[in-house]
Amino acid sequence: MRPVFAFLLLALLCFASTRSESDFEEDDSDDFAEFDDGNFYAEPAAKNADSFSGGAGSNRGESREDAPSKPAQNVESDEDDGLVEDDDEFEHFQDEEEFEGYDGGDSKDPPIDQKAEPKLNIPNIPLHFRTHWDSYWMEMLMVAGLLAYFANFFAGKAKNARLAQLWFSTHRALLDENFALVGDDGKAENENPGLIKESESLYTLWCSGRTCCEGMLVELKMIKRQDLVSLVAGLMRPQLDQAHIKIELTRGVMDAFVFAVGTKKTITKVFKEYTDLSKFCSLVGKPEDRYNVPTGFGVLSEVPEATSAILESRVIAALNKYQSYIDYLHISDQFSGPIQQEEGGTLKQPETKAVLLAGFNLPKHAEMETIKPLLLLIFYLMERLKTYRMSKEGKAKSDKNRQRVEEEFLKSTHAARAEAAAQRREDKRKQEKERILADEDPEKQRRWEAKEQKRQAKRNAPKMKRLAVKSL
């Protein structure tokens, strides 16, 4: 019985060992069966970390049993075996190893509800501008200012043109009687003789063809009515429309003297600005007592004899009658224009000419007939200058004044003239040296060098004065 029992026990052990090996193989095959079927099990990163960081005695089986079961994800096709789609996109935020030192539980922010609609803040938009014109008061002021400026421009431009044309039409007949050509514009064929518009406030008229003068230039200087800024500035400093007349007299028609009469303000101004008045004339004290000119007028005179001859009874009567319209009268045979600032650098005196200048104020209410006799006064003065002759004493004084002015000019320009003369001599020597060096004759070059050395030695030698001793 014992051998049979032992044989049965050995067979039972062999069967048990074989059964256990087969079970192990089946378990292993079941573990990889998930991959064979295309499904696999993915554990969360946090659970995997717990499984690897478990204490002693933990094994694979225990970690698998502790892990919560999670449905496997299906792969769409065999070609995308390496791609895994996870429904939870924010699962990596739960990994403690990825956010070390960050305590997620301390956050007090409420969880964001993905399904909740966001709140939109609508800003306060102002109503349409047509209902709030007071918000655009600056723009409206600018537009109103521009409209006022352009309206004033066209109105002022038209008024200046109307006044200039009125002056010309009033004096046209008188001008045609005294000049052969009225309104010359410098062209061969003058189609439209008359005023020439230089600007919106300046009109000119040139007349020629009369004895004892080269021509007459009339400048009508109007108030700048087209400029609103100038018009406003004129409220503080009132201005008037003026007619300036310049007549170039023929040389030799008048005697040599300089004279001016006009309002004190204008006389003081021109005395400082014009060369002939500042060099030849002096301001007459109390001219109303000496020459019977109206009160408020000043006189600049070079030769008292000539001044008395010009300010005779007819002229004095015209000055008194048209005092408000006469600004100045200027007669000179040495007129050269305003004083030049760089006069010391010139080596020649400026060219002078004989002129008759006059300035008249135009009436405010466009009554041009009122000032028509003033143009007759100009023609009378032209004839007066043609016939008047000074005495010998007057001519001697006039010649003496001109000689004095010339000497002062030569004295003031002596240094400049000496420098210019030295420069001319130096240029002449350079030209001579170049000519000698260009010549191939060595004898000429030697003589020129000896001459130049002798000149330099004489120039550098000390100057000595010769004293004459008288014998007793």
Protein backbone atom coordinates (compact mmCIF):
# COMPACT_ATOMS: atom_id res chain seq x y z
CA MET A 1 0.00 0.00 0.00
CA ARG A 2 2.81 2.41 0.78
CA PRO A 3 4.35 2.27 -2.69
CA VAL A 4 0.94 2.83 -4.28
CA PHE A 5 0.20 5.69 -1.92
CA ALA A 6 3.58 7.30 -2.59
CA PHE A 7 3.04 6.96 -6.34
CA LEU A 8 -0.36 8.66 -6.11
CA LEU A 9 1.07 11.47 -4.00
CA LEU A 10 3.91 12.11 -6.49
CA ALA A 11 1.44 12.17 -9.42
CA LEU A 12 -0.73 14.66 -7.55
CA LEU A 13 2.26 16.98 -6.95
CA CYS A 14 3.28 16.83 -10.60
CA PHE A 15 -0.24 17.69 -11.68
CA ALA A 16 -0.40 20.60 -9.25
CA SER A 17 2.90 22.02 -10.45
CA THR A 18 1.86 21.72 -14.06
CA ARG A 19 -1.45 23.46 -13.29
CA SER A 20 0.25 26.36 -11.60
CA GLU A 21 2.60 26.95 -14.55
CA SER A 22 -0.30 26.97 -16.99
CA ASP A 23 -2.20 29.45 -14.85
CA PHE A 24 0.80 31.76 -14.75
CA GLU A 25 1.13 31.64 -18.50
CA GLU A 26 -2.55 32.36 -18.91
CA ASP A 27 -2.33 35.33 -16.57
CA ASP A 28 0.59 36.72 -18.53
CA SER A 29 -1.21 36.33 -21.76
CA ASP A 30 -4.23 38.08 -20.30
CA ASP A 31 -2.08 41.04 -19.30
CA PHE A 32 -0.99 41.64 -22.87
CA ALA A 33 -4.33 40.75 -24.34
CA GLU A 34 -5.42 44.35 -23.94
CA PHE A 35 -2.67 45.53 -26.29
CA ASP A 36 -3.46 42.77 -28.78
CA ASP A 37 -7.09 43.86 -28.98
CA GLY A 38 -6.08 47.53 -29.58
CA ASN A 39 -7.15 48.64 -26.07
CA PHE A 40 -4.92 49.59 -23.23
CA TYR A 41 -5.25 50.92 -19.73
CA ALA A 42 -3.83 54.37 -18.84
CA GLU A 43 -3.38 55.27 -15.24
CA PRO A 44 -3.29 58.87 -14.03
CA ALA A 45 0.12 60.34 -13.42
CA ALA A 46 -0.65 60.95 -9.79
CA LYS A 47 -1.64 57.31 -9.22
CA ASN A 48 1.46 56.05 -10.98
CA ALA A 49 3.55 58.27 -8.75
CA ASP A 50 1.82 56.80 -5.71
CA SER A 51 2.47 53.30 -6.93
CA PHE A 52 6.19 53.96 -7.36
CA SER A 53 6.53 55.93 -4.13
CA GLY A 54 4.74 53.34 -1.99
CA GLY A 55 6.17 51.94 1.22
CA ALA A 56 8.07 48.68 1.72
CA GLY A 57 6.11 45.52 1.13
CA SER A 58 4.02 46.98 -1.70
CA ASN A 59 4.10 45.09 -4.97
CA ARG A 60 2.66 45.36 -8.44
CA GLY A 61 -0.43 43.47 -7.65
CA GLU A 62 -1.36 45.66 -4.70
CA SER A 63 -0.86 48.88 -6.61
CA ARG A 64 -3.08 47.54 -9.38
CA GLU A 65 -5.79 46.60 -7.00
CA ASP A 66 -5.66 49.98 -5.24
CA ALA A 67 -5.80 51.96 -8.49
CA PRO A 68 -9.30 52.87 -9.55
CA SER A 69 -10.42 51.29 -12.69
CA LYS A 70 -10.79 53.66 -15.66
CA PRO A 71 -12.27 52.80 -19.02
CA ALA A 72 -9.81 52.31 -21.75
CA GLN A 73 -9.75 54.68 -24.70
CA ASN A 74 -10.18 53.45 -28.22
CA VAL A 75 -7.79 54.31 -30.99
CA GLU A 76 -9.47 55.28 -34.22
CA SER A 77 -7.23 53.35 -36.59
CA ASP A 78 -4.24 51.11 -36.65
CA GLU A 79 -2.11 53.90 -38.16
CA ASP A 80 -2.61 56.10 -35.08
CA ASP A 81 -1.48 53.53 -32.51
CA GLY A 82 0.99 56.03 -31.00
CA LEU A 83 -1.63 58.80 -30.50
CA VAL A 84 -3.64 58.83 -27.32
CA GLU A 85 -6.71 60.98 -26.86
CA ASP A 86 -7.57 61.89 -23.31
CA ASP A 87 -10.88 63.50 -22.43
CA ASP A 88 -9.35 65.34 -19.50
CA GLU A 89 -7.20 68.15 -21.08
CA PHE A 90 -6.19 69.63 -17.75
CA GLU A 91 -5.08 66.39 -16.12
CA HIS A 92 -1.46 67.50 -16.10
CA PHE A 93 -2.35 70.31 -13.69
CA GLN A 94 -2.98 67.63 -11.06
CA ASP A 95 0.58 66.34 -11.24
CA GLU A 96 2.35 67.34 -8.03
CA GLU A 97 5.81 66.83 -9.50
CA GLU A 98 5.15 69.30 -12.33
CA PHE A 99 4.13 72.12 -9.96
CA GLU A 100 6.58 71.76 -7.10
CA GLY A 101 6.26 74.27 -4.28
CA TYR A 102 2.78 75.30 -5.39
CA ASP A 103 -0.08 74.64 -3.04
CA GLY A 104 -3.15 74.23 -5.16
CA GLY A 105 -5.41 73.96 -2.16
CA ASP A 106 -4.58 77.46 -0.88
CA SER A 107 -6.10 79.20 -3.90
CA LYS A 108 -9.16 81.16 -2.89
CA ASP A 109 -10.32 81.83 -6.44
CA PRO A 110 -13.63 80.21 -7.15
CA PRO A 111 -13.65 77.57 -9.84
CA ILE A 112 -14.37 78.83 -13.31
CA ASP A 113 -17.61 77.65 -14.71
CA GLN A 114 -16.97 76.93 -18.37
CA LYS A 115 -20.66 76.88 -19.14
CA ALA A 116 -21.38 80.29 -17.56
CA GLU A 117 -21.73 83.18 -20.03
CA PRO A 118 -19.15 86.02 -19.69
CA LYS A 119 -20.35 89.38 -18.44
CA LEU A 120 -19.90 92.21 -20.99
CA ASN A 121 -19.37 95.77 -19.79
CA ILE A 122 -20.86 98.26 -22.26
CA PRO A 123 -19.09 101.69 -22.11
CA ASN A 124 -21.00 104.92 -21.97
CA ILE A 125 -20.95 106.27 -25.54
CA PRO A 126 -21.93 109.97 -25.97
CA LEU A 127 -24.99 110.75 -27.96
CA HIS A 128 -24.82 111.97 -31.52
CA PHE A 129 -23.08 115.33 -31.97
CA ARG A 130 -26.15 116.97 -33.43
CA THR A 131 -27.81 116.80 -30.09
CA HIS A 132 -24.78 118.28 -28.25
CA TRP A 133 -23.44 121.26 -30.26
CA ASP A 134 -21.87 122.74 -27.14
CA SER A 135 -19.16 120.07 -27.30
CA TYR A 136 -17.84 121.59 -30.55
CA TRP A 137 -17.62 125.25 -29.58
CA MET A 138 -13.88 125.45 -30.40
CA GLU A 139 -14.41 124.08 -33.90
CA MET A 140 -17.33 126.42 -34.48
CA LEU A 141 -15.20 129.41 -33.42
CA MET A 142 -12.44 128.41 -35.84
CA VAL A 143 -14.88 128.02 -38.72
CA ALA A 144 -16.49 131.35 -37.89
CA GLY A 145 -13.07 133.01 -37.78
CA LEU A 146 -12.11 131.61 -41.17
CA LEU A 147 -15.39 132.70 -42.69
CA ALA A 148 -14.94 136.19 -41.25
CA TYR A 149 -11.35 136.40 -42.57
CA PHE A 150 -12.25 135.39 -46.13
CA ALA A 151 -15.34 137.58 -46.15
CA ASN A 152 -13.22 140.54 -45.03
CA PHE A 153 -10.57 139.67 -47.63
CA PHE A 154 -12.93 139.89 -50.58
CA ALA A 155 -14.74 142.94 -49.19
CA GLY A 156 -11.48 144.82 -48.44
CA LYS A 157 -10.00 143.86 -51.79
CA ALA A 158 -13.03 145.19 -53.64
CA LYS A 159 -13.07 148.44 -51.66
CA ASN A 160 -9.37 149.17 -52.30
CA ALA A 161 -9.85 148.55 -56.01
CA ARG A 162 -12.88 150.83 -56.06
CA LEU A 163 -11.04 153.69 -54.28
CA ALA A 164 -8.00 153.42 -56.56
CA GLN A 165 -10.14 153.46 -59.68
CA LEU A 166 -12.09 156.43 -58.33
CA TRP A 167 -8.88 158.41 -57.79
CA PHE A 168 -7.69 157.63 -61.30
CA SER A 169 -10.99 158.54 -62.95
CA THR A 170 -11.10 161.83 -61.01
CA HIS A 171 -7.57 162.93 -62.04
CA ARG A 172 -7.53 161.37 -65.51
CA ALA A 173 -8.39 164.54 -67.38
CA LEU A 174 -5.76 166.60 -65.52
CA LEU A 175 -3.11 163.97 -66.17
CA ASP A 176 -3.90 163.82 -69.87
CA GLU A 177 -3.46 167.60 -70.11
CA ASN A 178 0.06 167.55 -68.58
CA PHE A 179 1.52 164.27 -69.89
CA ALA A 180 1.65 162.70 -73.28
CA LEU A 181 1.50 159.16 -71.93
CA VAL A 182 -0.62 158.20 -68.92
CA GLY A 183 -0.59 154.69 -67.52
CA ASP A 184 2.51 153.27 -69.21
CA ASP A 185 3.14 149.63 -68.28
CA GLY A 186 6.53 149.29 -69.98
CA LYS A 187 5.28 147.27 -72.95
CA ALA A 188 5.61 148.23 -76.60
CA GLU A 189 1.84 148.30 -77.06
CA ASN A 190 -0.12 149.50 -74.09
CA GLU A 191 -3.55 147.94 -74.58
CA ASN A 192 -5.07 148.94 -71.24
CA PRO A 193 -3.46 152.18 -70.02
CA GLY A 194 -4.22 152.91 -66.41
CA LEU A 195 -3.42 151.75 -62.91
CA ILE A 196 -1.19 148.73 -62.39
CA LYS A 197 -2.12 146.48 -59.49
CA GLU A 198 1.01 145.59 -57.53
CA SER A 199 -0.86 144.00 -54.62
CA GLU A 200 -4.27 144.09 -53.01
CA SER A 201 -3.38 147.38 -51.30
CA LEU A 202 -0.87 148.96 -53.73
CA TYR A 203 -1.59 150.46 -57.17
CA THR A 204 0.91 152.33 -59.35
CA LEU A 205 0.61 154.75 -62.27
CA TRP A 206 3.47 155.94 -64.50
CA CYS A 207 3.17 159.10 -66.58
CA SER A 208 5.72 160.56 -69.00
CA GLY A 209 6.00 163.06 -71.81
CA ARG A 210 6.34 166.46 -70.14
CA THR A 211 8.95 169.21 -70.12
CA CYS A 212 11.46 169.59 -67.26
CA CYS A 213 10.87 166.06 -65.94
CA GLU A 214 11.69 162.49 -66.89
CA GLY A 215 8.38 161.16 -65.65
CA MET A 216 6.01 160.90 -62.70
CA LEU A 217 5.27 157.82 -60.61
CA VAL A 218 2.09 157.73 -58.52
CA GLU A 219 1.72 155.07 -55.81
CA LEU A 220 -1.67 154.60 -54.19
CA LYS A 221 -0.98 152.93 -50.84
CA MET A 222 -4.28 151.81 -49.39
CA ILE A 223 -5.06 150.48 -45.97
CA LYS A 224 -4.68 146.70 -45.94
CA ARG A 225 -8.39 146.16 -45.73
CA GLN A 226 -8.05 142.64 -47.10
CA ASP A 227 -5.98 141.63 -44.05
CA LEU A 228 -8.16 141.24 -40.98
CA VAL A 229 -5.15 141.27 -38.63
CA SER A 230 -3.85 144.56 -40.04
CA LEU A 231 -7.34 145.98 -39.88
CA VAL A 232 -7.63 145.15 -36.18
CA ALA A 233 -4.14 146.55 -35.52
CA GLY A 234 -5.22 149.75 -37.26
CA LEU A 235 -7.78 150.33 -34.55
CA MET A 236 -4.94 151.03 -32.11
CA ARG A 237 -2.80 152.91 -34.66
CA PRO A 238 -5.13 154.57 -37.16
CA GLN A 239 -3.95 154.63 -40.76
CA LEU A 240 -5.05 156.53 -43.85
CA ASP A 241 -5.07 155.85 -47.57
CA GLN A 242 -2.24 157.80 -49.17
CA ALA A 243 -1.06 158.86 -52.61
CA HIS A 244 2.75 159.17 -52.99
CA ILE A 245 4.02 161.13 -55.99
CA LYS A 246 7.62 160.98 -57.23
CA ILE A 247 8.76 163.23 -60.09
CA GLU A 248 12.27 162.85 -61.51
CA LEU A 249 13.35 166.32 -62.63
CA THR A 250 15.71 166.91 -65.52
CA ARG A 251 19.26 167.64 -64.39
CA GLY A 252 19.92 171.40 -64.37
CA VAL A 253 16.29 172.41 -64.16
CA MET A 254 16.47 173.44 -60.51
CA ASP A 255 19.21 175.06 -58.45
CA ALA A 256 21.16 173.06 -55.90
CA PHE A 257 19.26 173.02 -52.62
CA VAL A 258 17.33 170.59 -50.36
CA PHE A 259 14.01 171.39 -48.73
CA ALA A 260 11.12 169.59 -47.02
CA VAL A 261 7.88 170.59 -45.28
CA GLY A 262 5.18 168.47 -43.71
CA THR A 263 3.67 167.27 -40.47
CA LYS A 264 6.11 167.19 -37.58
CA LYS A 265 5.77 163.45 -37.18
CA THR A 266 6.59 162.80 -40.83
CA ILE A 267 9.36 165.40 -40.99
CA THR A 268 11.08 163.90 -37.95
CA LYS A 269 10.85 160.45 -39.52
CA VAL A 270 12.21 161.38 -42.98
CA PHE A 271 14.99 163.48 -41.41
CA LYS A 272 16.38 160.29 -39.85
CA GLU A 273 15.76 158.04 -42.84
CA TYR A 274 16.85 159.97 -45.96
CA THR A 275 20.49 160.75 -46.70
CA ASP A 276 20.06 164.14 -48.35
CA LEU A 277 17.90 165.54 -45.56
CA SER A 278 20.17 164.29 -42.76
CA LYS A 279 23.38 165.63 -44.40
CA PHE A 280 22.29 168.94 -45.92
CA CYS A 281 19.30 170.17 -43.92
CA SER A 282 18.59 171.32 -40.39
CA LEU A 283 15.28 171.48 -38.58
CA VAL A 284 13.88 175.01 -38.48
CA GLY A 285 12.71 176.18 -35.09
CA LYS A 286 9.20 177.70 -34.90
CA PRO A 287 8.49 177.49 -38.66
CA GLU A 288 4.95 178.84 -38.20
CA ASP A 289 6.42 182.20 -37.15
CA ARG A 290 9.24 182.29 -39.66
CA TYR A 291 7.55 180.88 -42.79
CA ASN A 292 3.84 181.11 -41.82
CA VAL A 293 3.26 177.38 -42.21
CA PRO A 294 0.25 175.85 -40.43
CA THR A 295 0.59 174.85 -36.79
CA GLY A 296 1.78 171.29 -36.48
CA PHE A 297 3.99 171.48 -39.57
CA GLY A 298 7.79 171.25 -39.60
CA VAL A 299 10.36 172.56 -42.07
CA LEU A 300 13.77 171.18 -43.07
CA SER A 301 15.90 173.79 -44.85
CA GLU A 302 19.39 173.94 -46.33
CA VAL A 303 19.41 177.45 -47.81
CA PRO A 304 16.92 179.86 -46.12
CA GLU A 305 16.72 181.87 -49.32
CA ALA A 306 15.46 178.90 -51.31
CA THR A 307 13.06 177.88 -48.53
CA SER A 308 11.45 181.31 -48.52
CA ALA A 309 11.16 181.23 -52.31
CA ILE A 310 9.34 177.89 -52.26
CA LEU A 311 7.04 178.75 -49.35
CA GLU A 312 5.53 181.78 -51.04
CA SER A 313 1.96 182.98 -50.64
CA ARG A 314 0.24 180.49 -52.98
CA VAL A 315 1.94 177.49 -51.44
CA ILE A 316 1.21 178.73 -47.89
CA ALA A 317 -2.44 179.21 -48.81
CA ALA A 318 -2.62 175.65 -50.15
CA LEU A 319 -0.95 174.29 -47.00
CA ASN A 320 -3.47 176.05 -44.77
CA LYS A 321 -6.48 175.03 -46.84
CA TYR A 322 -5.52 171.37 -47.31
CA GLN A 323 -3.64 170.86 -44.07
CA SER A 324 -5.48 167.61 -43.26
CA TYR A 325 -4.59 166.10 -46.66
CA ILE A 326 -0.91 167.15 -47.04
CA ASP A 327 1.57 164.80 -45.40
CA TYR A 328 4.89 166.12 -46.80
CA LEU A 329 6.61 167.96 -49.68
CA HIS A 330 10.24 167.11 -50.45
CA ILE A 331 12.45 168.89 -53.01
CA SER A 332 16.11 167.92 -53.47
CA ASP A 333 18.89 167.87 -56.05
CA GLN A 334 20.89 165.33 -53.97
CA PHE A 335 18.29 162.63 -53.46
CA SER A 336 19.82 159.16 -53.08
CA GLY A 337 17.15 157.31 -51.15
CA PRO A 338 17.22 156.01 -47.57
CA ILE A 339 20.41 155.93 -45.53
CA GLN A 340 22.51 152.84 -46.28
CA GLN A 341 23.52 150.91 -43.19
CA GLU A 342 26.86 149.74 -44.70
CA GLU A 343 27.81 153.14 -46.00
CA GLY A 344 31.38 152.91 -44.65
CA GLY A 345 32.22 149.99 -46.96
CA THR A 346 31.42 151.91 -50.18
CA LEU A 347 34.22 153.72 -52.01
CA LYS A 348 31.99 155.91 -54.14
CA GLN A 349 29.23 158.27 -53.20
CA PRO A 350 25.74 157.06 -54.13
CA GLU A 351 24.26 158.37 -57.32
CA THR A 352 22.03 161.40 -56.77
CA LYS A 353 19.21 162.91 -58.79
CA ALA A 354 16.85 165.87 -58.62
CA VAL A 355 13.37 164.94 -57.44
CA LEU A 356 10.09 166.38 -56.26
CA LEU A 357 8.34 164.11 -53.76
CA ALA A 358 4.90 164.56 -52.24
CA GLY A 359 2.57 162.57 -50.00
CA PHE A 360 -1.16 163.24 -49.71
CA ASN A 361 -3.85 161.67 -47.55
CA LEU A 362 -6.93 160.46 -49.38
CA PRO A 363 -10.37 161.45 -48.09
CA LYS A 364 -12.17 158.95 -45.87
CA HIS A 365 -15.52 159.21 -47.65
CA ALA A 366 -14.12 158.75 -51.19
CA GLU A 367 -14.60 162.42 -52.11
CA MET A 368 -11.68 162.53 -54.55
CA GLU A 369 -12.74 165.86 -56.01
CA THR A 370 -11.67 167.46 -52.72
CA ILE A 371 -7.97 166.68 -53.23
CA LYS A 372 -7.84 167.38 -56.97
CA PRO A 373 -6.22 170.85 -56.39
CA LEU A 374 -3.27 169.12 -54.72
CA LEU A 375 -2.17 167.69 -58.07
CA LEU A 376 -2.34 171.23 -59.45
CA LEU A 377 -0.02 172.28 -56.60
CA ILE A 378 2.54 169.71 -57.78
CA PHE A 379 2.50 171.05 -61.33
CA TYR A 380 2.85 174.61 -59.99
CA LEU A 381 5.93 173.64 -57.95
CA MET A 382 7.48 172.06 -61.05
CA GLU A 383 7.13 175.31 -62.95
CA ARG A 384 8.37 177.28 -59.94
CA LEU A 385 11.55 175.19 -59.72
CA LYS A 386 12.11 175.65 -63.43
CA THR A 387 12.13 179.45 -63.20
CA TYR A 388 13.63 180.10 -59.75
CA ARG A 389 17.34 180.99 -59.44
CA MET A 390 19.25 181.61 -56.23
CA SER A 391 21.57 184.53 -55.54
CA LYS A 392 25.36 184.22 -55.49
CA GLU A 393 25.40 183.99 -51.71
CA GLY A 394 22.87 181.18 -51.80
CA LYS A 395 24.80 179.31 -54.48
CA ALA A 396 28.05 179.76 -52.57
CA LYS A 397 26.50 178.32 -49.42
CA SER A 398 25.05 175.41 -51.37
CA ASP A 399 28.41 174.64 -53.01
CA LYS A 400 30.14 174.83 -49.64
CA ASN A 401 27.71 172.33 -48.14
CA ARG A 402 28.28 169.87 -50.96
CA GLN A 403 32.04 170.19 -50.66
CA ARG A 404 31.77 169.56 -46.91
CA VAL A 405 29.71 166.44 -47.43
CA GLU A 406 32.20 165.14 -50.00
CA GLU A 407 35.15 165.73 -47.67
CA GLU A 408 33.36 163.90 -44.86
CA PHE A 409 32.72 161.00 -47.17
CA LEU A 410 36.36 160.86 -48.31
CA LYS A 411 37.54 161.06 -44.70
CA SER A 412 35.25 158.25 -43.60
CA THR A 413 36.37 156.04 -46.50
CA HIS A 414 40.08 156.92 -46.39
CA ALA A 415 41.14 153.65 -44.81
CA ALA A 416 39.02 151.61 -47.18
CA ARG A 417 40.34 153.52 -50.21
CA ALA A 418 43.95 153.13 -49.04
CA GLU A 419 43.44 149.40 -48.62
CA ALA A 420 41.87 149.17 -52.06
CA ALA A 421 44.77 151.12 -53.61
CA ALA A 422 47.32 148.84 -51.93
CA GLN A 423 45.45 145.81 -53.22
CA ARG A 424 45.51 147.21 -56.76
CA ARG A 425 49.28 147.82 -56.56
CA GLU A 426 49.84 144.31 -55.28
CA ASP A 427 47.77 142.83 -58.09
CA LYS A 428 49.76 144.88 -60.59
CA ARG A 429 53.10 143.58 -59.23
CA LYS A 430 51.84 140.00 -59.37
CA GLN A 431 50.86 140.40 -62.98
CA GLU A 432 54.27 141.89 -63.80
CA LYS A 433 56.05 139.04 -61.99
CA GLU A 434 54.07 136.43 -63.89
CA ARG A 435 54.90 138.16 -67.15
CA ILE A 436 58.66 138.28 -66.34
CA LEU A 437 58.75 134.63 -65.22
CA ALA A 438 56.93 133.59 -68.38
CA ASP A 439 59.70 135.24 -70.43
CA GLU A 440 62.69 132.98 -71.03
CA ASP A 441 65.24 135.82 -70.92
CA PRO A 442 67.27 135.35 -67.69
CA GLU A 443 68.70 138.87 -67.93
CA LYS A 444 65.26 140.44 -67.62
CA GLN A 445 64.45 138.22 -64.64
CA ARG A 446 67.71 139.22 -62.96
CA ARG A 447 67.05 142.95 -63.46
CA TRP A 448 63.49 142.59 -62.17
CA GLU A 449 64.65 140.74 -59.04
CA ALA A 450 67.28 143.42 -58.35
CA LYS A 451 64.65 146.12 -58.76
CA GLU A 452 62.29 144.30 -56.43
CA GLN A 453 64.99 143.86 -53.76
CA LYS A 454 65.87 147.54 -53.95
CA ARG A 455 62.21 148.47 -53.52
CA GLN A 456 61.80 146.20 -50.51
CA ALA A 457 64.97 147.58 -48.88
CA LYS A 458 63.77 151.15 -49.37
CA ARG A 459 60.41 150.24 -47.94
CA ASN A 460 61.90 148.61 -44.85
CA ALA A 461 64.47 151.35 -44.19
CA PRO A 462 63.75 153.65 -41.21
CA LYS A 463 62.33 156.99 -42.10
CA MET A 464 64.41 160.05 -41.17
CA LYS A 465 63.47 163.68 -41.09
CA ARG A 466 65.73 166.28 -42.62
CA LEU A 467 66.37 169.33 -40.45
CA ALA A 468 67.53 172.64 -41.92
CA VAL A 469 70.06 174.50 -39.77
CA LYS A 470 70.29 178.24 -40.19
CA SER A 471 73.67 179.85 -39.67
CA LEU A 472 73.88 182.89 -37.45
